[in-house]
Amino acid sequence: MDLQIVLKSISFSNFYSFYDETTISFEASLKPSLSYYDVEIGNQRLNKAIAVMGPNGAGKTQLLRPLSFLNWFLTHSFTDLAPEDRIPFEPHALHPQEATAIEVVFYIGEAEYKYNIKLNQREVLAESLHVRATKLFSYIFKRERQGDGYEIKKQNLSLSTKLHKNVRSNCSLISAAHIFGTNEIDEVFQFFSKIVTNITDIGRKDYHDGALIEAAEFLARNPKLLDRSTSILCDLDLGLTKIKISEFENTETSGEKKVLQVPFGIHQLPNGDTFALPFFNESSGTKSALVLLRKILPVLDSGGIVILDEIDNDLHPHMLPFFLDMIKDRISNPHNAQLIFSCHTPEVLNVLRKHQVYLVEKYDLKSEAWRLDSVEGLRADDNLYAKYQAGVLEAIPNI
């Protein structure tokens, strides 16, 4: 896909700890000051970066989860789920019998799309895809549960009879249409497949050494990105002069032999000599930075959306602005890739503007989120860092 893809907003309700309808909007506020974190489409300005902050247990991960869920559900549900499998998500614990609803508005090139889904853990109740024709959206397809089957309406879309019969109740029609070769909505499929995330159906994917092997295998196949990773990590003053990837043969418990790509950090001694240290023996921050780059760089290279829960995990607070600069810079981010992330680093408030930060708090067992530009009386030139640290903006631990 060569067209620029940009997320405009996502709204959802009854999803994990969020019960009431909640919206994450990438739209800039009515009169925002100019920012290099902007994407211009037509007469609209959208954010390239959104930060999510709040105390532990407030719902930061859950706020990022809808997009991560759709990344999997719209691309893999038809191939990954058996007919009897439940759909892997959770409604709000106090409302398990109610349906969950999600809406995403996004751009592919200049075309604006809207995707809606209503579902429970057993089946999709309704699903639709629209494109903005003039001032209004016109549907491409509508799928709605009717008795034991579905009523499917379509416009300018060829859905085969075989697809009609085989699309299951626990999968997305977009996921099934991709397998059956419905090319008219393949760009939409590609949009959701270009979402990269560290969140799974059980929460944030914690660091493990297998992630280093996966990162090394990916970078070995992409020498340009390996060179960029090397340059960035060396610039971050982590004691590295180079990253080298070597092949090692490993014997599995089954007896099968498998070739692994193992990363090494090359370090230079004061006398000019160098030595290689397996990345497994590097610091937690160095290992986390390499795994983080493996996720961010491919999206910067080709466009898309990166969703990272606790982006600052194991990283020094001063390193976070460096990664944000990669999103901001038009040279390192030529396709206007977007980043939405959660963190516990308040210094991010010295980098982003109030229309680029969401705070999350939990009240009466329900998570709530609000964007800082919705806070009454908060000016654009206010010191967001100082106000947050003083508790004026809430969403801090009650200690």
Protein backbone atom coordinates (compact mmCIF):
# COMPACT_ATOMS: atom_id res chain seq x y z
CA MET A 1 0.00 0.00 0.00
CA ASP A 2 1.58 3.28 -1.18
CA LEU A 3 -1.25 5.57 -0.04
CA GLN A 4 -0.81 7.46 3.21
CA ILE A 5 -2.90 5.99 6.02
CA VAL A 6 -3.92 8.10 9.00
CA LEU A 7 -6.14 7.40 12.00
CA LYS A 8 -8.67 10.12 12.83
CA SER A 9 -10.51 8.69 15.84
CA ILE A 10 -11.68 5.57 17.63
CA SER A 11 -14.73 5.37 19.90
CA PHE A 12 -15.84 2.39 21.98
CA SER A 13 -18.06 1.33 24.87
CA ASN A 14 -18.33 -1.65 27.22
CA PHE A 15 -14.77 -2.74 26.50
CA TYR A 16 -12.65 -3.99 29.41
CA SER A 17 -12.64 -1.35 32.20
CA PHE A 18 -14.39 1.28 30.03
CA TYR A 19 -18.17 1.08 30.09
CA ASP A 20 -19.35 4.50 28.91
CA GLU A 21 -18.61 5.62 25.37
CA THR A 22 -15.02 6.80 25.14
CA THR A 23 -13.23 8.48 22.25
CA ILE A 24 -9.57 8.85 21.38
CA SER A 25 -9.34 11.61 18.79
CA PHE A 26 -6.26 12.43 16.73
CA GLU A 27 -7.91 15.65 15.53
CA ALA A 28 -6.16 18.82 16.60
CA SER A 29 -8.24 21.18 18.71
CA LEU A 30 -10.09 24.15 17.20
CA LYS A 31 -7.25 26.65 17.55
CA PRO A 32 -4.12 24.66 18.33
CA SER A 33 -0.69 26.18 18.09
CA LEU A 34 1.36 24.79 15.24
CA SER A 35 3.17 21.59 16.05
CA TYR A 36 5.55 19.35 14.16
CA TYR A 37 3.40 16.46 15.41
CA ASP A 38 0.76 17.38 12.82
CA VAL A 39 -0.56 15.60 9.74
CA GLU A 40 -2.51 17.71 7.27
CA ILE A 41 -5.29 16.10 5.23
CA GLY A 42 -7.42 18.52 3.28
CA ASN A 43 -8.40 21.26 5.73
CA GLN A 44 -7.84 19.04 8.79
CA ARG A 45 -4.88 18.70 11.10
CA LEU A 46 -4.39 15.41 12.88
CA ASN A 47 -1.88 14.41 15.55
CA LYS A 48 1.01 12.07 14.85
CA ALA A 49 1.48 11.31 18.57
CA ILE A 50 -0.89 10.74 21.48
CA ALA A 51 0.33 10.06 25.02
CA VAL A 52 -1.77 8.32 27.69
CA MET A 53 -0.96 8.85 31.36
CA GLY A 54 -2.50 7.90 34.67
CA PRO A 55 -1.96 5.84 37.84
CA ASN A 56 -1.57 2.07 37.88
CA GLY A 57 -4.88 0.27 37.49
CA ALA A 58 -6.68 3.28 36.02
CA GLY A 59 -7.11 1.79 32.56
CA LYS A 60 -4.22 3.03 30.40
CA THR A 61 -3.70 -0.35 28.77
CA GLN A 62 -7.45 -0.78 28.25
CA LEU A 63 -7.62 2.58 26.45
CA LEU A 64 -5.08 1.29 23.92
CA ARG A 65 -6.70 -2.11 23.56
CA PRO A 66 -9.52 -1.44 21.04
CA LEU A 67 -7.11 -0.67 18.20
CA SER A 68 -4.90 -3.61 19.14
CA PHE A 69 -7.98 -5.85 19.14
CA LEU A 70 -9.11 -4.63 15.70
CA ASN A 71 -5.59 -5.11 14.34
CA TRP A 72 -6.01 -8.82 15.06
CA PHE A 73 -9.77 -9.25 14.59
CA LEU A 74 -10.03 -7.63 11.15
CA THR A 75 -7.00 -9.44 9.78
CA HIS A 76 -6.79 -12.84 11.52
CA SER A 77 -10.15 -13.80 13.04
CA PHE A 78 -11.23 -15.85 10.00
CA THR A 79 -8.03 -17.90 9.96
CA ASP A 80 -7.26 -18.08 13.69
CA LEU A 81 -10.63 -18.90 15.24
CA ALA A 82 -12.47 -22.19 15.03
CA PRO A 83 -16.29 -21.93 14.71
CA GLU A 84 -16.79 -22.72 18.41
CA ASP A 85 -14.10 -20.33 19.73
CA ARG A 86 -15.04 -17.29 21.77
CA ILE A 87 -13.94 -13.87 20.55
CA PRO A 88 -10.91 -12.97 22.72
CA PHE A 89 -11.88 -9.76 24.47
CA GLU A 90 -13.71 -8.81 27.66
CA PRO A 91 -16.72 -6.53 28.17
CA HIS A 92 -16.86 -4.47 31.35
CA ALA A 93 -16.95 -6.86 34.32
CA LEU A 94 -20.21 -5.36 35.63
CA HIS A 95 -21.95 -5.56 32.24
CA PRO A 96 -20.99 -8.95 30.75
CA GLN A 97 -24.33 -9.49 28.98
CA GLU A 98 -24.28 -6.18 27.12
CA ALA A 99 -22.80 -5.75 23.64
CA THR A 100 -19.52 -3.98 22.95
CA ALA A 101 -19.39 -1.30 20.24
CA ILE A 102 -16.33 0.11 18.44
CA GLU A 103 -16.09 2.76 15.71
CA VAL A 104 -12.94 3.77 13.82
CA VAL A 105 -12.61 6.72 11.43
CA PHE A 106 -9.50 6.79 9.25
CA TYR A 107 -8.01 7.95 5.97
CA ILE A 108 -6.48 5.96 3.14
CA GLY A 109 -5.03 8.60 0.88
CA GLU A 110 -7.67 11.33 0.66
CA ALA A 111 -10.57 8.89 1.17
CA GLU A 112 -12.21 8.94 4.61
CA TYR A 113 -13.59 5.64 5.93
CA LYS A 114 -15.68 4.66 8.95
CA TYR A 115 -15.80 1.13 10.34
CA ASN A 116 -18.34 0.02 12.96
CA ILE A 117 -18.72 -3.23 14.82
CA LYS A 118 -21.07 -4.41 17.56
CA LEU A 119 -20.32 -7.76 19.14
CA ASN A 120 -20.25 -9.95 22.20
CA GLN A 121 -17.86 -12.76 23.09
CA ARG A 122 -19.83 -15.27 21.03
CA GLU A 123 -20.64 -13.45 17.80
CA VAL A 124 -20.65 -10.32 15.70
CA LEU A 125 -24.05 -8.64 15.98
CA ALA A 126 -23.48 -5.93 13.36
CA GLU A 127 -20.57 -4.79 11.21
CA SER A 128 -20.33 -2.10 8.55
CA LEU A 129 -17.85 -0.17 6.46
CA HIS A 130 -18.54 3.29 5.05
CA VAL A 131 -16.68 5.79 2.87
CA ARG A 132 -17.38 9.51 2.79
CA ALA A 133 -18.94 10.28 -0.57
CA THR A 134 -19.50 14.05 -0.21
CA LYS A 135 -20.60 15.41 3.15
CA LEU A 136 -22.14 12.11 4.20
CA PHE A 137 -20.86 8.56 4.56
CA SER A 138 -22.10 5.94 2.14
CA TYR A 139 -21.97 2.28 3.12
CA ILE A 140 -19.75 -0.23 1.31
CA PHE A 141 -21.23 -3.14 3.21
CA LYS A 142 -23.57 -3.72 6.12
CA ARG A 143 -23.77 -7.01 7.99
CA GLU A 144 -26.42 -7.55 10.64
CA ARG A 145 -27.47 -10.57 12.67
CA GLN A 146 -30.93 -11.79 11.62
CA GLY A 147 -32.13 -14.95 13.41
CA ASP A 148 -29.74 -17.79 12.65
CA GLY A 149 -27.94 -15.93 9.89
CA TYR A 150 -26.87 -12.52 8.63
CA GLU A 151 -28.36 -9.98 6.31
CA ILE A 152 -25.55 -8.52 4.20
CA LYS A 153 -26.03 -5.44 2.04
CA LYS A 154 -23.32 -4.12 -0.26
CA GLN A 155 -22.64 -1.35 -2.74
CA ASN A 156 -19.97 -1.60 -5.46
CA LEU A 157 -18.58 -4.65 -3.71
CA SER A 158 -18.39 -8.20 -5.05
CA LEU A 159 -18.97 -10.70 -2.26
CA SER A 160 -19.11 -14.25 -3.54
CA THR A 161 -21.88 -16.65 -2.58
CA LYS A 162 -19.18 -18.85 -1.06
CA LEU A 163 -18.11 -15.99 1.20
CA HIS A 164 -21.72 -15.33 2.22
CA LYS A 165 -22.07 -18.94 3.31
CA ASN A 166 -18.69 -19.30 5.01
CA VAL A 167 -18.23 -16.08 6.97
CA ARG A 168 -18.64 -17.22 10.55
CA SER A 169 -20.40 -15.43 13.36
CA ASN A 170 -17.19 -15.07 15.39
CA CYS A 171 -15.10 -13.42 12.67
CA SER A 172 -14.95 -10.17 10.72
CA LEU A 173 -16.29 -10.02 7.20
CA ILE A 174 -13.17 -8.04 6.26
CA SER A 175 -10.93 -10.86 7.48
CA ALA A 176 -12.96 -13.40 5.51
CA ALA A 177 -13.17 -11.20 2.40
CA HIS A 178 -9.38 -10.98 2.27
CA ILE A 179 -9.08 -14.77 2.17
CA PHE A 180 -11.74 -15.00 -0.54
CA GLY A 181 -10.00 -12.37 -2.67
CA THR A 182 -12.40 -9.43 -2.39
CA ASN A 183 -9.96 -6.84 -3.67
CA GLU A 184 -12.27 -3.84 -3.34
CA ILE A 185 -11.73 -3.63 0.42
CA ASP A 186 -8.19 -4.98 0.52
CA GLU A 187 -6.83 -1.49 1.22
CA VAL A 188 -8.95 -1.42 4.38
CA PHE A 189 -7.55 -4.82 5.36
CA GLN A 190 -4.05 -3.45 4.79
CA PHE A 191 -4.82 -0.40 6.95
CA PHE A 192 -5.58 -2.57 9.98
CA SER A 193 -2.69 -4.92 9.24
CA LYS A 194 -0.28 -1.95 9.43
CA ILE A 195 -1.07 -1.45 13.12
CA VAL A 196 1.89 -2.59 15.23
CA THR A 197 1.34 -3.16 18.95
CA ASN A 198 2.83 -4.77 22.05
CA ILE A 199 -0.62 -5.55 23.49
CA THR A 200 -2.19 -9.00 23.26
CA ASP A 201 -5.57 -10.31 24.42
CA ILE A 202 -4.06 -10.88 27.89
CA GLY A 203 -2.41 -7.46 28.18
CA ARG A 204 0.99 -5.95 27.49
CA LYS A 205 3.51 -8.34 26.04
CA ASP A 206 6.32 -8.18 28.60
CA TYR A 207 9.94 -8.27 27.53
CA HIS A 208 11.43 -11.74 27.06
CA ASP A 209 14.64 -12.93 25.44
CA GLY A 210 12.68 -14.45 22.58
CA ALA A 211 11.82 -10.89 21.53
CA LEU A 212 15.54 -10.25 20.99
CA ILE A 213 15.79 -13.27 18.69
CA GLU A 214 12.70 -12.15 16.76
CA ALA A 215 14.10 -8.62 16.47
CA ALA A 216 17.45 -9.96 15.25
CA GLU A 217 15.76 -12.18 12.66
CA PHE A 218 13.73 -9.24 11.38
CA LEU A 219 16.70 -6.88 11.23
CA ALA A 220 18.86 -9.51 9.53
CA ARG A 221 16.25 -9.58 6.72
CA ASN A 222 16.20 -5.78 6.59
CA PRO A 223 19.80 -4.48 6.48
CA LYS A 224 18.68 -0.85 6.06
CA LEU A 225 16.72 -1.00 9.32
CA LEU A 226 19.62 -2.81 11.03
CA ASP A 227 21.91 0.09 10.06
CA ARG A 228 19.37 2.60 11.43
CA SER A 229 19.01 0.62 14.67
CA THR A 230 22.79 0.52 15.05
CA SER A 231 23.13 4.25 14.44
CA ILE A 232 20.35 5.12 16.90
CA LEU A 233 21.55 2.85 19.71
CA CYS A 234 25.12 4.10 19.35
CA ASP A 235 23.87 7.72 19.46
CA LEU A 236 21.98 6.95 22.67
CA ASP A 237 25.33 6.52 24.45
CA LEU A 238 24.73 2.92 25.49
CA GLY A 239 28.41 2.00 25.13
CA LEU A 240 27.90 0.40 21.74
CA THR A 241 29.89 0.96 18.57
CA LYS A 242 28.04 -1.56 16.39
CA ILE A 243 25.41 -4.29 16.37
CA LYS A 244 26.33 -7.61 14.81
CA ILE A 245 23.94 -10.48 14.12
CA SER A 246 25.39 -13.99 14.00
CA GLU A 247 23.85 -17.34 13.16
CA PHE A 248 23.82 -20.16 15.69
CA GLU A 249 22.41 -23.64 15.34
CA ASN A 250 20.06 -24.62 18.15
CA THR A 251 18.68 -28.08 18.86
CA GLU A 252 15.03 -28.06 19.91
CA THR A 253 13.68 -30.42 22.59
CA SER A 254 12.15 -32.43 19.74
CA GLY A 255 15.63 -32.96 18.32
CA GLU A 256 15.00 -30.66 15.38
CA LYS A 257 17.85 -28.31 14.56
CA LYS A 258 17.03 -24.66 13.97
CA VAL A 259 19.24 -21.76 12.93
CA LEU A 260 18.83 -18.72 15.20
CA GLN A 261 19.88 -15.14 14.56
CA VAL A 262 21.53 -13.82 17.72
CA PRO A 263 22.36 -10.12 18.22
CA PHE A 264 25.68 -9.01 19.68
CA GLY A 265 26.71 -5.58 20.89
CA ILE A 266 30.20 -4.54 19.83
CA HIS A 267 32.01 -2.47 22.49
CA GLN A 268 35.27 -0.58 22.14
CA LEU A 269 38.00 -0.54 24.78
CA PRO A 270 40.08 2.58 25.54
CA ASN A 271 43.02 1.11 23.57
CA GLY A 272 40.86 0.75 20.47
CA ASP A 273 40.27 -3.00 20.72
CA THR A 274 36.69 -4.28 20.54
CA PHE A 275 34.80 -7.16 22.08
CA ALA A 276 31.39 -8.67 21.36
CA LEU A 277 28.77 -9.12 24.08
CA PRO A 278 25.58 -11.11 23.47
CA PHE A 279 22.58 -8.80 23.74
CA PHE A 280 21.19 -11.17 26.38
CA ASN A 281 23.96 -9.83 28.66
CA GLU A 282 23.34 -6.16 27.87
CA SER A 283 21.41 -3.92 30.25
CA SER A 284 17.61 -4.11 30.39
CA GLY A 285 17.40 -0.64 28.85
CA THR A 286 19.62 -1.56 25.90
CA LYS A 287 17.65 -4.73 25.22
CA SER A 288 14.33 -2.91 25.49
CA ALA A 289 15.55 -0.16 23.14
CA LEU A 290 16.43 -2.70 20.43
CA VAL A 291 13.04 -4.44 20.72
CA LEU A 292 11.32 -1.04 20.66
CA LEU A 293 13.17 -0.01 17.50
CA ARG A 294 12.18 -3.27 15.85
CA LYS A 295 8.53 -2.18 16.26
CA ILE A 296 8.88 1.51 15.45
CA LEU A 297 11.30 1.56 12.51
CA PRO A 298 9.26 -0.58 10.06
CA VAL A 299 6.25 1.68 10.60
CA LEU A 300 8.36 4.80 10.12
CA ASP A 301 9.73 3.22 6.95
CA SER A 302 6.38 2.43 5.33
CA GLY A 303 3.65 4.18 7.33
CA GLY A 304 1.11 2.88 9.81
CA ILE A 305 0.23 3.13 13.49
CA VAL A 306 2.33 2.04 16.47
CA ILE A 307 0.57 1.28 19.77
CA LEU A 308 2.96 0.85 22.68
CA ASP A 309 1.89 0.23 26.25
CA GLU A 310 4.42 1.48 28.80
CA ILE A 311 6.84 2.68 26.13
CA ASP A 312 9.20 3.87 28.87
CA ASN A 313 9.55 0.45 30.47
CA ASP A 314 13.27 -0.03 31.32
CA LEU A 315 14.18 3.20 29.49
CA HIS A 316 15.76 6.30 31.03
CA PRO A 317 13.22 9.18 31.03
CA HIS A 318 15.51 11.24 28.77
CA MET A 319 15.29 8.58 26.05
CA LEU A 320 11.54 8.97 25.52
CA PRO A 321 11.80 12.41 23.85
CA PHE A 322 14.35 10.89 21.47
CA PHE A 323 11.81 8.32 20.25
CA LEU A 324 9.14 11.02 19.98
CA ASP A 325 11.51 13.09 17.84
CA MET A 326 11.62 10.18 15.40
CA ILE A 327 7.84 10.45 15.02
CA LYS A 328 7.96 14.24 14.71
CA ASP A 329 10.77 14.49 12.17
CA ARG A 330 9.63 14.48 8.54
CA ILE A 331 12.85 12.86 7.38
CA SER A 332 12.71 9.91 9.77
CA ASN A 333 8.89 9.72 9.40
CA PRO A 334 8.17 10.53 5.73
CA HIS A 335 4.84 8.64 5.64
CA ASN A 336 3.34 10.35 8.71
CA ALA A 337 3.22 7.22 10.86
CA GLN A 338 1.30 7.74 14.10
CA LEU A 339 2.17 6.71 17.63
CA ILE A 340 -0.17 6.23 20.58
CA PHE A 341 1.48 5.17 23.80
CA SER A 342 1.10 4.98 27.55
CA CYS A 343 3.86 5.88 29.97
CA HIS A 344 4.73 6.86 33.53
CA THR A 345 7.22 9.54 32.47
CA PRO A 346 5.75 12.98 33.27
CA GLU A 347 8.58 14.63 31.30
CA VAL A 348 6.54 13.84 28.19
CA LEU A 349 4.34 16.79 29.22
CA ASN A 350 7.29 19.07 28.43
CA VAL A 351 7.35 17.71 24.88
CA LEU A 352 3.74 17.34 23.74
CA ARG A 353 0.88 19.86 23.66
CA LYS A 354 -2.34 19.59 25.62
CA HIS A 355 -4.29 18.29 22.57
CA GLN A 356 -1.83 15.38 22.35
CA VAL A 357 -2.21 14.01 25.89
CA TYR A 358 -4.97 11.87 27.43
CA LEU A 359 -5.29 11.26 31.16
CA VAL A 360 -7.01 8.16 32.56
CA GLU A 361 -8.60 7.63 35.95
CA LYS A 362 -11.00 5.09 37.43
CA TYR A 363 -14.19 6.15 39.25
CA ASP A 364 -16.73 3.70 40.70
CA LEU A 365 -14.99 0.77 38.98
CA LYS A 366 -15.23 2.42 35.55
CA SER A 367 -12.32 3.95 33.66
CA GLU A 368 -12.64 7.41 32.20
CA ALA A 369 -10.32 9.26 29.81
CA TRP A 370 -10.11 12.92 28.85
CA ARG A 371 -7.86 14.97 26.63
CA LEU A 372 -6.04 17.83 28.30
CA ASP A 373 -7.45 20.45 25.94
CA SER A 374 -10.89 19.63 27.38
CA VAL A 375 -9.82 20.78 30.86
CA GLU A 376 -11.50 24.08 31.56
CA GLY A 377 -9.12 26.95 32.19
CA LEU A 378 -5.99 25.09 31.01
CA ARG A 379 -4.10 27.41 28.67
CA ALA A 380 -1.78 26.43 25.83
CA ASP A 381 1.16 28.13 27.56
CA ASP A 382 0.55 26.50 30.95
CA ASN A 383 3.31 24.32 32.39
CA LEU A 384 1.61 20.94 31.98
CA TYR A 385 4.43 19.11 33.75
CA ALA A 386 4.22 21.29 36.85
CA LYS A 387 0.43 21.15 37.01
CA TYR A 388 0.38 17.36 36.64
CA GLN A 389 3.07 16.85 39.27
CA ALA A 390 1.13 19.12 41.65
CA GLY A 391 -2.03 17.03 41.15
CA VAL A 392 -4.01 19.85 39.55
CA LEU A 393 -4.85 17.71 36.49
CA GLU A 394 -5.64 14.56 38.57
CA ALA A 395 -4.81 11.07 37.20
CA ILE A 396 -1.95 10.58 39.66
CA PRO A 397 -1.52 7.89 42.32
CA ASN A 398 -3.34 8.61 45.55
CA ILE A 399 -0.45 8.03 47.95
